[in-house]
Amino acid sequence: MGCYESEYAGVVLPVYDSIIYVTQTGAGTKTGVNWENATSSVGDAIAAATCYNAKVWVASGVYYGDTLSSDAFTMHEGVSVYGGFAGNEPAGYDLSQRDFAANATILDGQHSRRVVNQPNSFNTRTVLDGFTIQNGYTTSNGGGAYLQHNTALSNCHFVNNESQGYGGGLYFYGSYDTIRYCSFE
């Protein structure tokens, strides 16, 4: 099926500006090549970004991810995923100009699964930046996020996450991890 397995394989295409665009409902051809043709799947965009060495830009909205898995979203090594966009920013946009309050980008576990999982240690820096991570639940560690070696977490707000193990909102396991400008409720 290509370099990533998905029912949407082949839908998300290589991009010219090294960005895959995501909006809540998708748009146009839903290939992710720009905002006008954004895909609606954060998970497929992350998987495709691995193949194409691209970043993922996610517009404001609520995203539920994979409803059949124990994790809503799975990080892939070396992929930088950014939220907080209005959905009209140009490719050269200065990421420090994002307005997280006006353009809240929410990853939601629906009180039934972990929101973000990093399945193993990464050798290449992986970034998650500009998201509200909410309503996560797991019987193990990290209801909001379970992250391992070599992850940078920035501008994230963790809300209403629960774990029967350690780290209701966030569980970091490993080294070379960074947390900047994050809050927990």
N, C-alpha and C. Protein backbone atom coordinates (compact mmCIF):
# COMPACT_ATOMS: atom_id res chain seq x y z
N MET A 1 0.82 -1.20 0.00
CA MET A 1 0.00 0.00 0.00
C MET A 1 0.86 1.26 0.00
N GLY A 2 2.13 1.15 0.08
CA GLY A 2 2.96 2.35 0.14
C GLY A 2 3.74 2.38 1.43
N CYS A 3 4.24 3.53 1.77
CA CYS A 3 5.13 3.58 2.92
C CYS A 3 4.39 3.68 4.24
N TYR A 4 3.07 3.83 4.24
CA TYR A 4 2.32 3.74 5.48
C TYR A 4 1.02 3.01 5.22
N GLU A 5 0.59 2.25 6.21
CA GLU A 5 -0.61 1.44 6.07
C GLU A 5 -1.82 2.22 6.57
N SER A 6 -2.83 2.37 5.74
CA SER A 6 -4.03 3.09 6.12
C SER A 6 -5.10 2.84 5.08
N GLU A 7 -6.34 2.94 5.52
CA GLU A 7 -7.43 2.84 4.55
C GLU A 7 -7.40 4.02 3.59
N TYR A 8 -6.67 5.08 3.95
CA TYR A 8 -6.57 6.28 3.12
C TYR A 8 -5.26 6.32 2.34
N ALA A 9 -4.52 5.22 2.28
CA ALA A 9 -3.22 5.22 1.60
C ALA A 9 -3.36 5.78 0.20
N GLY A 10 -2.44 6.65 -0.14
CA GLY A 10 -2.46 7.27 -1.46
C GLY A 10 -3.28 8.54 -1.51
N VAL A 11 -4.06 8.82 -0.47
CA VAL A 11 -4.85 10.04 -0.46
C VAL A 11 -3.97 11.23 -0.10
N VAL A 12 -3.15 11.10 0.94
CA VAL A 12 -2.26 12.17 1.34
C VAL A 12 -1.01 12.08 0.47
N LEU A 13 -0.73 13.14 -0.27
CA LEU A 13 0.32 13.14 -1.28
C LEU A 13 1.57 13.86 -0.80
N PRO A 14 2.70 13.63 -1.49
CA PRO A 14 3.89 14.42 -1.18
C PRO A 14 3.58 15.89 -1.37
N VAL A 15 4.24 16.72 -0.63
CA VAL A 15 3.95 18.14 -0.68
C VAL A 15 5.14 18.91 -1.21
N TYR A 16 4.87 20.04 -1.83
CA TYR A 16 5.92 20.86 -2.41
C TYR A 16 6.61 21.71 -1.37
N ASP A 17 5.91 22.13 -0.34
CA ASP A 17 6.50 23.01 0.67
C ASP A 17 6.84 22.26 1.96
N SER A 18 6.88 20.95 1.92
CA SER A 18 7.22 20.10 3.07
C SER A 18 6.25 20.24 4.23
N ILE A 19 5.00 20.55 3.92
CA ILE A 19 3.95 20.66 4.93
C ILE A 19 2.75 19.86 4.46
N ILE A 20 2.15 19.11 5.38
CA ILE A 20 0.88 18.45 5.11
C ILE A 20 -0.16 19.19 5.96
N TYR A 21 -1.21 19.65 5.33
CA TYR A 21 -2.23 20.48 5.97
C TYR A 21 -3.44 19.65 6.39
N VAL A 22 -3.96 19.95 7.60
CA VAL A 22 -5.10 19.22 8.15
C VAL A 22 -6.14 20.22 8.65
N THR A 23 -7.40 20.01 8.26
CA THR A 23 -8.51 20.76 8.84
C THR A 23 -9.53 19.75 9.36
N GLN A 24 -10.40 20.21 10.22
CA GLN A 24 -11.34 19.30 10.89
C GLN A 24 -12.18 18.47 9.92
N THR A 25 -12.65 19.07 8.85
CA THR A 25 -13.50 18.34 7.90
C THR A 25 -12.80 18.05 6.58
N GLY A 26 -11.55 18.52 6.45
CA GLY A 26 -10.87 18.37 5.17
C GLY A 26 -11.43 19.37 4.18
N ALA A 27 -10.80 19.44 3.00
CA ALA A 27 -11.26 20.39 1.98
C ALA A 27 -10.81 19.92 0.61
N GLY A 28 -11.53 20.36 -0.40
CA GLY A 28 -11.15 20.08 -1.79
C GLY A 28 -10.87 18.61 -2.04
N THR A 29 -9.67 18.32 -2.54
CA THR A 29 -9.28 16.94 -2.88
C THR A 29 -8.86 16.12 -1.66
N LYS A 30 -8.73 16.77 -0.51
CA LYS A 30 -8.32 16.13 0.76
C LYS A 30 -6.97 15.43 0.67
N THR A 31 -6.08 15.98 -0.14
CA THR A 31 -4.73 15.41 -0.29
C THR A 31 -3.73 16.00 0.68
N GLY A 32 -4.06 17.10 1.35
CA GLY A 32 -3.17 17.71 2.33
C GLY A 32 -2.09 18.59 1.73
N VAL A 33 -2.15 18.90 0.44
CA VAL A 33 -1.09 19.68 -0.20
C VAL A 33 -1.14 21.17 0.12
N ASN A 34 -2.30 21.67 0.58
CA ASN A 34 -2.45 23.06 1.01
C ASN A 34 -3.75 23.14 1.81
N TRP A 35 -4.04 24.33 2.35
CA TRP A 35 -5.27 24.48 3.15
C TRP A 35 -6.53 24.24 2.32
N GLU A 36 -6.49 24.61 1.05
CA GLU A 36 -7.67 24.46 0.18
C GLU A 36 -7.95 22.99 -0.14
N ASN A 37 -6.97 22.12 0.06
CA ASN A 37 -7.10 20.68 -0.20
C ASN A 37 -6.61 19.87 0.99
N ALA A 38 -6.93 20.36 2.20
CA ALA A 38 -6.45 19.73 3.43
C ALA A 38 -7.09 18.36 3.65
N THR A 39 -6.33 17.48 4.28
CA THR A 39 -6.87 16.20 4.71
C THR A 39 -7.60 16.41 6.04
N SER A 40 -8.43 15.48 6.44
CA SER A 40 -9.12 15.61 7.72
C SER A 40 -8.53 14.67 8.77
N SER A 41 -7.53 13.90 8.41
CA SER A 41 -6.96 12.90 9.33
C SER A 41 -5.58 13.30 9.82
N VAL A 42 -5.49 13.64 11.10
CA VAL A 42 -4.20 13.95 11.71
C VAL A 42 -3.30 12.71 11.65
N GLY A 43 -3.85 11.54 11.94
CA GLY A 43 -3.07 10.31 11.93
C GLY A 43 -2.48 9.99 10.58
N ASP A 44 -3.27 10.13 9.52
CA ASP A 44 -2.75 9.87 8.17
C ASP A 44 -1.70 10.91 7.78
N ALA A 45 -1.91 12.15 8.21
CA ALA A 45 -0.92 13.21 7.91
C ALA A 45 0.40 12.90 8.60
N ILE A 46 0.36 12.45 9.85
CA ILE A 46 1.59 12.09 10.57
C ILE A 46 2.30 10.93 9.87
N ALA A 47 1.55 9.92 9.48
CA ALA A 47 2.14 8.76 8.80
C ALA A 47 2.75 9.18 7.46
N ALA A 48 2.05 10.01 6.70
CA ALA A 48 2.57 10.46 5.41
C ALA A 48 3.79 11.35 5.59
N ALA A 49 3.80 12.17 6.64
CA ALA A 49 4.94 13.06 6.89
C ALA A 49 6.21 12.25 7.12
N THR A 50 6.08 11.07 7.69
CA THR A 50 7.23 10.19 7.88
C THR A 50 7.85 9.82 6.54
N CYS A 51 7.02 9.51 5.59
CA CYS A 51 7.49 9.11 4.25
C CYS A 51 8.10 10.27 3.48
N TYR A 52 7.50 11.46 3.61
CA TYR A 52 7.88 12.59 2.78
C TYR A 52 8.75 13.61 3.50
N ASN A 53 9.20 13.29 4.73
CA ASN A 53 10.03 14.21 5.51
C ASN A 53 9.36 15.59 5.60
N ALA A 54 8.09 15.59 5.96
CA ALA A 54 7.30 16.82 6.01
C ALA A 54 6.88 17.13 7.44
N LYS A 55 6.41 18.36 7.63
CA LYS A 55 5.79 18.77 8.88
C LYS A 55 4.28 18.64 8.70
N VAL A 56 3.56 18.62 9.83
CA VAL A 56 2.10 18.59 9.79
C VAL A 56 1.58 19.85 10.47
N TRP A 57 0.73 20.59 9.75
CA TRP A 57 0.07 21.77 10.30
C TRP A 57 -1.41 21.45 10.45
N VAL A 58 -1.94 21.64 11.67
CA VAL A 58 -3.32 21.29 11.97
C VAL A 58 -4.10 22.54 12.35
N ALA A 59 -5.19 22.80 11.64
CA ALA A 59 -6.03 23.97 11.90
C ALA A 59 -6.89 23.75 13.14
N SER A 60 -7.43 24.83 13.66
CA SER A 60 -8.28 24.76 14.85
C SER A 60 -9.44 23.80 14.64
N GLY A 61 -9.90 23.21 15.74
CA GLY A 61 -10.99 22.25 15.69
C GLY A 61 -10.72 21.14 16.68
N VAL A 62 -11.66 20.21 16.78
CA VAL A 62 -11.53 19.06 17.67
C VAL A 62 -11.29 17.82 16.82
N TYR A 63 -10.26 17.06 17.17
CA TYR A 63 -9.87 15.86 16.44
C TYR A 63 -9.89 14.67 17.40
N TYR A 64 -10.51 13.58 16.98
CA TYR A 64 -10.67 12.41 17.84
C TYR A 64 -9.73 11.27 17.48
N GLY A 65 -9.14 11.29 16.32
CA GLY A 65 -8.15 10.29 15.93
C GLY A 65 -8.74 8.92 15.71
N ASP A 66 -7.91 7.92 15.92
CA ASP A 66 -8.27 6.52 15.68
C ASP A 66 -9.19 6.03 16.79
N THR A 67 -10.44 5.81 16.48
CA THR A 67 -11.41 5.38 17.49
C THR A 67 -11.38 3.87 17.72
N LEU A 68 -10.60 3.13 16.93
CA LEU A 68 -10.51 1.68 17.08
C LEU A 68 -9.29 1.24 17.86
N SER A 69 -8.43 2.17 18.21
CA SER A 69 -7.18 1.86 18.90
C SER A 69 -7.25 2.31 20.35
N SER A 70 -6.34 1.81 21.17
CA SER A 70 -6.27 2.26 22.56
C SER A 70 -5.60 3.63 22.66
N ASP A 71 -5.04 4.12 21.56
CA ASP A 71 -4.43 5.45 21.48
C ASP A 71 -5.08 6.22 20.33
N ALA A 72 -5.49 7.45 20.60
CA ALA A 72 -6.12 8.24 19.54
C ALA A 72 -5.12 8.66 18.46
N PHE A 73 -3.90 9.04 18.88
CA PHE A 73 -2.89 9.52 17.94
C PHE A 73 -1.54 8.89 18.28
N THR A 74 -0.81 8.47 17.25
CA THR A 74 0.50 7.86 17.43
C THR A 74 1.55 8.73 16.76
N MET A 75 2.57 9.12 17.53
CA MET A 75 3.66 9.91 16.97
C MET A 75 4.58 9.02 16.15
N HIS A 76 5.20 9.60 15.14
CA HIS A 76 6.18 8.91 14.30
C HIS A 76 7.51 9.64 14.40
N GLU A 77 8.57 8.89 14.38
CA GLU A 77 9.91 9.45 14.58
C GLU A 77 10.23 10.55 13.58
N GLY A 78 10.74 11.68 14.11
CA GLY A 78 11.20 12.79 13.28
C GLY A 78 10.11 13.69 12.74
N VAL A 79 8.86 13.43 13.04
CA VAL A 79 7.76 14.24 12.52
C VAL A 79 7.43 15.37 13.49
N SER A 80 7.34 16.58 12.97
CA SER A 80 6.94 17.74 13.76
C SER A 80 5.49 18.06 13.45
N VAL A 81 4.65 18.09 14.49
CA VAL A 81 3.21 18.31 14.35
C VAL A 81 2.86 19.59 15.09
N TYR A 82 2.27 20.55 14.37
CA TYR A 82 1.95 21.86 14.93
C TYR A 82 0.46 22.14 14.85
N GLY A 83 -0.11 22.66 15.93
CA GLY A 83 -1.50 23.10 15.96
C GLY A 83 -1.56 24.60 16.16
N GLY A 84 -2.78 25.14 16.25
CA GLY A 84 -2.97 26.56 16.51
C GLY A 84 -3.10 27.43 15.28
N PHE A 85 -3.49 26.84 14.16
CA PHE A 85 -3.61 27.59 12.90
C PHE A 85 -5.07 27.94 12.62
N ALA A 86 -5.27 29.09 11.98
CA ALA A 86 -6.60 29.49 11.53
C ALA A 86 -7.00 28.68 10.30
N GLY A 87 -6.03 28.24 9.53
CA GLY A 87 -6.30 27.47 8.33
C GLY A 87 -6.15 28.28 7.05
N ASN A 88 -5.41 29.40 7.14
CA ASN A 88 -5.18 30.22 5.95
C ASN A 88 -3.74 30.74 5.89
N GLU A 89 -2.87 30.25 6.76
CA GLU A 89 -1.50 30.74 6.83
C GLU A 89 -0.67 30.25 5.64
N PRO A 90 0.22 31.10 5.10
CA PRO A 90 1.08 30.69 3.99
C PRO A 90 2.18 29.75 4.47
N ALA A 91 2.80 29.04 3.54
CA ALA A 91 3.84 28.06 3.88
C ALA A 91 5.00 28.68 4.66
N GLY A 92 5.35 29.92 4.42
CA GLY A 92 6.47 30.57 5.12
C GLY A 92 6.07 31.23 6.42
N TYR A 93 4.90 30.93 6.93
CA TYR A 93 4.35 31.57 8.13
C TYR A 93 5.26 31.38 9.34
N ASP A 94 5.42 32.44 10.14
CA ASP A 94 6.23 32.41 11.36
C ASP A 94 5.42 31.70 12.45
N LEU A 95 5.85 30.52 12.85
CA LEU A 95 5.11 29.71 13.82
C LEU A 95 4.91 30.42 15.16
N SER A 96 5.76 31.35 15.50
CA SER A 96 5.62 32.07 16.77
C SER A 96 4.42 33.02 16.75
N GLN A 97 3.82 33.25 15.60
CA GLN A 97 2.67 34.14 15.48
C GLN A 97 1.32 33.43 15.68
N ARG A 98 1.33 32.12 15.89
CA ARG A 98 0.06 31.40 16.07
C ARG A 98 -0.68 31.91 17.31
N ASP A 99 -2.00 31.96 17.23
CA ASP A 99 -2.85 32.39 18.35
C ASP A 99 -3.57 31.15 18.87
N PHE A 100 -3.04 30.55 19.94
CA PHE A 100 -3.57 29.30 20.47
C PHE A 100 -4.95 29.45 21.08
N ALA A 101 -5.27 30.63 21.61
CA ALA A 101 -6.60 30.85 22.19
C ALA A 101 -7.66 30.98 21.10
N ALA A 102 -7.37 31.76 20.08
CA ALA A 102 -8.34 31.96 19.00
C ALA A 102 -8.44 30.74 18.09
N ASN A 103 -7.37 29.96 18.00
CA ASN A 103 -7.33 28.82 17.08
C ASN A 103 -7.01 27.53 17.83
N ALA A 104 -7.79 27.26 18.87
CA ALA A 104 -7.55 26.06 19.69
C ALA A 104 -7.63 24.81 18.83
N THR A 105 -6.58 24.01 18.90
CA THR A 105 -6.51 22.75 18.16
C THR A 105 -6.51 21.65 19.21
N ILE A 106 -7.59 20.88 19.27
CA ILE A 106 -7.84 19.96 20.38
C ILE A 106 -7.73 18.51 19.91
N LEU A 107 -6.90 17.75 20.62
CA LEU A 107 -6.82 16.30 20.42
C LEU A 107 -7.56 15.69 21.60
N ASP A 108 -8.61 14.91 21.33
CA ASP A 108 -9.52 14.44 22.36
C ASP A 108 -9.57 12.91 22.43
N GLY A 109 -9.38 12.37 23.63
CA GLY A 109 -9.44 10.91 23.84
C GLY A 109 -10.81 10.40 24.20
N GLN A 110 -11.80 11.26 24.31
CA GLN A 110 -13.20 10.90 24.58
C GLN A 110 -13.35 10.04 25.84
N HIS A 111 -12.50 10.26 26.83
CA HIS A 111 -12.55 9.54 28.11
C HIS A 111 -12.44 8.02 27.94
N SER A 112 -11.92 7.55 26.81
CA SER A 112 -11.88 6.11 26.59
C SER A 112 -10.53 5.58 26.13
N ARG A 113 -9.58 6.47 25.83
CA ARG A 113 -8.25 6.01 25.40
C ARG A 113 -7.22 7.11 25.60
N ARG A 114 -5.96 6.70 25.58
CA ARG A 114 -4.86 7.65 25.66
C ARG A 114 -4.93 8.55 24.43
N VAL A 115 -4.58 9.82 24.60
CA VAL A 115 -4.68 10.75 23.48
C VAL A 115 -3.48 10.62 22.55
N VAL A 116 -2.25 10.74 23.06
CA VAL A 116 -1.05 10.70 22.23
C VAL A 116 -0.10 9.63 22.75
N ASN A 117 0.40 8.80 21.86
CA ASN A 117 1.36 7.76 22.24
C ASN A 117 2.59 7.82 21.35
N GLN A 118 3.74 7.69 21.98
CA GLN A 118 5.00 7.48 21.27
C GLN A 118 5.38 6.04 21.55
N PRO A 119 5.23 5.14 20.59
CA PRO A 119 5.33 3.70 20.84
C PRO A 119 6.72 3.19 21.19
N ASN A 120 7.78 3.95 20.87
CA ASN A 120 9.12 3.52 21.23
C ASN A 120 10.04 4.72 21.27
N SER A 121 11.27 4.53 21.71
CA SER A 121 12.25 5.61 21.75
C SER A 121 12.63 6.02 20.33
N PHE A 122 12.82 7.33 20.14
CA PHE A 122 13.19 7.85 18.84
C PHE A 122 14.63 8.34 18.86
N ASN A 123 15.34 8.17 17.76
CA ASN A 123 16.69 8.70 17.62
C ASN A 123 16.68 10.10 17.02
N THR A 124 15.61 10.44 16.31
CA THR A 124 15.47 11.74 15.67
C THR A 124 14.42 12.56 16.41
N ARG A 125 14.72 13.83 16.65
CA ARG A 125 13.84 14.72 17.39
C ARG A 125 12.44 14.73 16.79
N THR A 126 11.43 14.60 17.65
CA THR A 126 10.03 14.60 17.27
C THR A 126 9.34 15.72 18.04
N VAL A 127 8.44 16.48 17.39
CA VAL A 127 7.86 17.67 18.00
C VAL A 127 6.34 17.58 18.02
N LEU A 128 5.74 17.97 19.15
CA LEU A 128 4.30 18.16 19.28
C LEU A 128 4.13 19.55 19.88
N ASP A 129 3.49 20.48 19.15
CA ASP A 129 3.50 21.89 19.53
C ASP A 129 2.16 22.55 19.19
N GLY A 130 1.52 23.14 20.20
CA GLY A 130 0.35 23.97 19.96
C GLY A 130 -1.00 23.27 20.06
N PHE A 131 -1.12 22.31 20.97
CA PHE A 131 -2.36 21.53 21.08
C PHE A 131 -2.93 21.58 22.48
N THR A 132 -4.26 21.43 22.56
CA THR A 132 -4.92 21.07 23.81
C THR A 132 -5.12 19.57 23.75
N ILE A 133 -4.62 18.88 24.76
CA ILE A 133 -4.72 17.42 24.82
C ILE A 133 -5.67 17.11 25.96
N GLN A 134 -6.84 16.58 25.62
CA GLN A 134 -7.89 16.48 26.64
C GLN A 134 -8.61 15.13 26.63
N ASN A 135 -9.22 14.86 27.78
CA ASN A 135 -10.12 13.71 27.96
C ASN A 135 -9.46 12.37 27.66
N GLY A 136 -8.18 12.25 28.01
CA GLY A 136 -7.49 10.99 27.83
C GLY A 136 -7.72 10.06 29.00
N TYR A 137 -7.67 8.77 28.74
CA TYR A 137 -7.81 7.78 29.80
C TYR A 137 -7.02 6.53 29.42
N THR A 138 -6.31 5.99 30.40
CA THR A 138 -5.63 4.71 30.21
C THR A 138 -5.51 3.98 31.54
N THR A 139 -5.46 2.68 31.46
CA THR A 139 -5.24 1.88 32.67
C THR A 139 -3.75 1.75 32.97
N SER A 140 -2.89 2.24 32.07
CA SER A 140 -1.45 2.22 32.32
C SER A 140 -0.98 3.65 32.58
N ASN A 141 0.14 4.08 32.02
CA ASN A 141 0.72 5.40 32.28
C ASN A 141 0.40 6.41 31.19
N GLY A 142 0.20 7.67 31.59
CA GLY A 142 0.04 8.76 30.63
C GLY A 142 -1.28 8.81 29.91
N GLY A 143 -2.34 9.24 30.57
CA GLY A 143 -3.65 9.33 29.93
C GLY A 143 -3.71 10.36 28.82
N GLY A 144 -3.04 11.50 29.02
CA GLY A 144 -2.99 12.52 27.98
C GLY A 144 -1.95 12.18 26.93
N ALA A 145 -0.73 11.87 27.40
CA ALA A 145 0.34 11.52 26.47
C ALA A 145 1.37 10.63 27.16
N TYR A 146 1.84 9.65 26.42
CA TYR A 146 2.94 8.79 26.84
C TYR A 146 4.05 9.00 25.83
N LEU A 147 5.12 9.68 26.28
CA LEU A 147 6.19 10.04 25.36
C LEU A 147 7.51 9.46 25.85
N GLN A 148 8.36 9.09 24.90
CA GLN A 148 9.65 8.50 25.22
C GLN A 148 10.78 9.35 24.67
N HIS A 149 11.92 8.80 24.61
CA HIS A 149 13.18 9.42 24.24
C HIS A 149 13.10 10.33 23.02
N ASN A 150 13.64 11.57 23.18
CA ASN A 150 13.86 12.51 22.08
C ASN A 150 12.60 13.18 21.55
N THR A 151 11.76 13.67 22.45
CA THR A 151 10.53 14.37 22.07
C THR A 151 10.52 15.78 22.64
N ALA A 152 10.10 16.74 21.83
CA ALA A 152 9.94 18.13 22.27
C ALA A 152 8.45 18.44 22.31
N LEU A 153 7.98 18.86 23.46
CA LEU A 153 6.58 19.18 23.69
C LEU A 153 6.50 20.67 24.04
N SER A 154 5.78 21.46 23.24
CA SER A 154 5.71 22.90 23.47
C SER A 154 4.29 23.42 23.27
N ASN A 155 3.97 24.48 24.02
CA ASN A 155 2.70 25.20 23.85
C ASN A 155 1.49 24.28 23.89
N CYS A 156 1.53 23.30 24.79
CA CYS A 156 0.41 22.36 24.93
C CYS A 156 -0.30 22.57 26.25
N HIS A 157 -1.58 22.33 26.23
CA HIS A 157 -2.42 22.49 27.41
C HIS A 157 -3.10 21.14 27.65
N PHE A 158 -2.82 20.52 28.81
CA PHE A 158 -3.39 19.22 29.15
C PHE A 158 -4.58 19.43 30.08
N VAL A 159 -5.75 18.88 29.68
CA VAL A 159 -6.97 19.10 30.44
C VAL A 159 -7.72 17.78 30.63
N ASN A 160 -8.09 17.48 31.87
CA ASN A 160 -9.01 16.38 32.18
C ASN A 160 -8.54 15.02 31.65
N ASN A 161 -7.28 14.69 31.93
CA ASN A 161 -6.73 13.40 31.53
C ASN A 161 -6.54 12.53 32.77
N GLU A 162 -6.73 11.22 32.60
CA GLU A 162 -6.67 10.31 33.74
C GLU A 162 -5.87 9.06 33.39
N SER A 163 -5.14 8.57 34.39
CA SER A 163 -4.36 7.36 34.24
C SER A 163 -4.48 6.52 35.49
N GLN A 164 -4.61 5.21 35.34
CA GLN A 164 -4.61 4.32 36.50
C GLN A 164 -3.18 4.03 36.95
N GLY A 165 -2.20 4.41 36.12
CA GLY A 165 -0.79 4.26 36.46
C GLY A 165 -0.23 5.61 36.86
N TYR A 166 0.91 5.96 36.31
CA TYR A 166 1.56 7.24 36.59
C TYR A 166 1.23 8.25 35.51
N GLY A 167 1.28 9.53 35.89
CA GLY A 167 1.14 10.61 34.92
C GLY A 167 -0.21 10.68 34.25
N GLY A 168 -1.22 11.18 34.95
CA GLY A 168 -2.55 11.33 34.36
C GLY A 168 -2.52 12.14 33.08
N GLY A 169 -1.87 13.31 33.14
CA GLY A 169 -1.78 14.16 31.95
C GLY A 169 -0.65 13.75 31.03
N LEU A 170 0.54 13.51 31.60
CA LEU A 170 1.72 13.27 30.79
C LEU A 170 2.66 12.32 31.50
N TYR A 171 3.18 11.36 30.76
CA TYR A 171 4.21 10.47 31.27
C TYR A 171 5.36 10.47 30.27
N PHE A 172 6.53 10.98 30.72
CA PHE A 172 7.74 10.97 29.90
C PHE A 172 8.62 9.83 30.38
N TYR A 173 9.09 9.02 29.48
CA TYR A 173 10.00 7.93 29.81
C TYR A 173 11.17 8.00 28.85
N GLY A 174 12.34 8.27 29.36
CA GLY A 174 13.51 8.35 28.49
C GLY A 174 14.31 9.60 28.77
N SER A 175 15.08 10.03 27.79
CA SER A 175 15.94 11.20 27.95
C SER A 175 15.88 12.05 26.68
N TYR A 176 16.53 13.19 26.74
CA TYR A 176 16.55 14.16 25.65
C TYR A 176 15.15 14.67 25.32
N ASP A 177 14.31 14.73 26.35
CA ASP A 177 12.96 15.24 26.18
C ASP A 177 12.91 16.69 26.65
N THR A 178 12.03 17.47 26.06
CA THR A 178 11.89 18.88 26.41
C THR A 178 10.41 19.21 26.57
N ILE A 179 10.09 19.94 27.65
CA ILE A 179 8.74 20.48 27.83
C ILE A 179 8.89 21.99 27.98
N ARG A 180 8.20 22.74 27.11
CA ARG A 180 8.25 24.20 27.17
C ARG A 180 6.84 24.78 27.03
N TYR A 181 6.53 25.74 27.86
CA TYR A 181 5.28 26.50 27.77
C TYR A 181 4.04 25.62 27.74
N CYS A 182 4.01 24.62 28.62
CA CYS A 182 2.85 23.73 28.71
C CYS A 182 2.16 23.94 30.05
N SER A 183 0.86 23.66 30.10
CA SER A 183 0.09 23.77 31.33
C SER A 183 -0.74 22.50 31.54
N PHE A 184 -1.09 22.26 32.80
CA PHE A 184 -1.82 21.04 33.17
C PHE A 184 -2.98 21.39 34.07
N GLU A 185 -4.15 20.87 33.77
CA GLU A 185 -5.34 21.03 34.62
C GLU A 185 -5.87 19.66 34.97
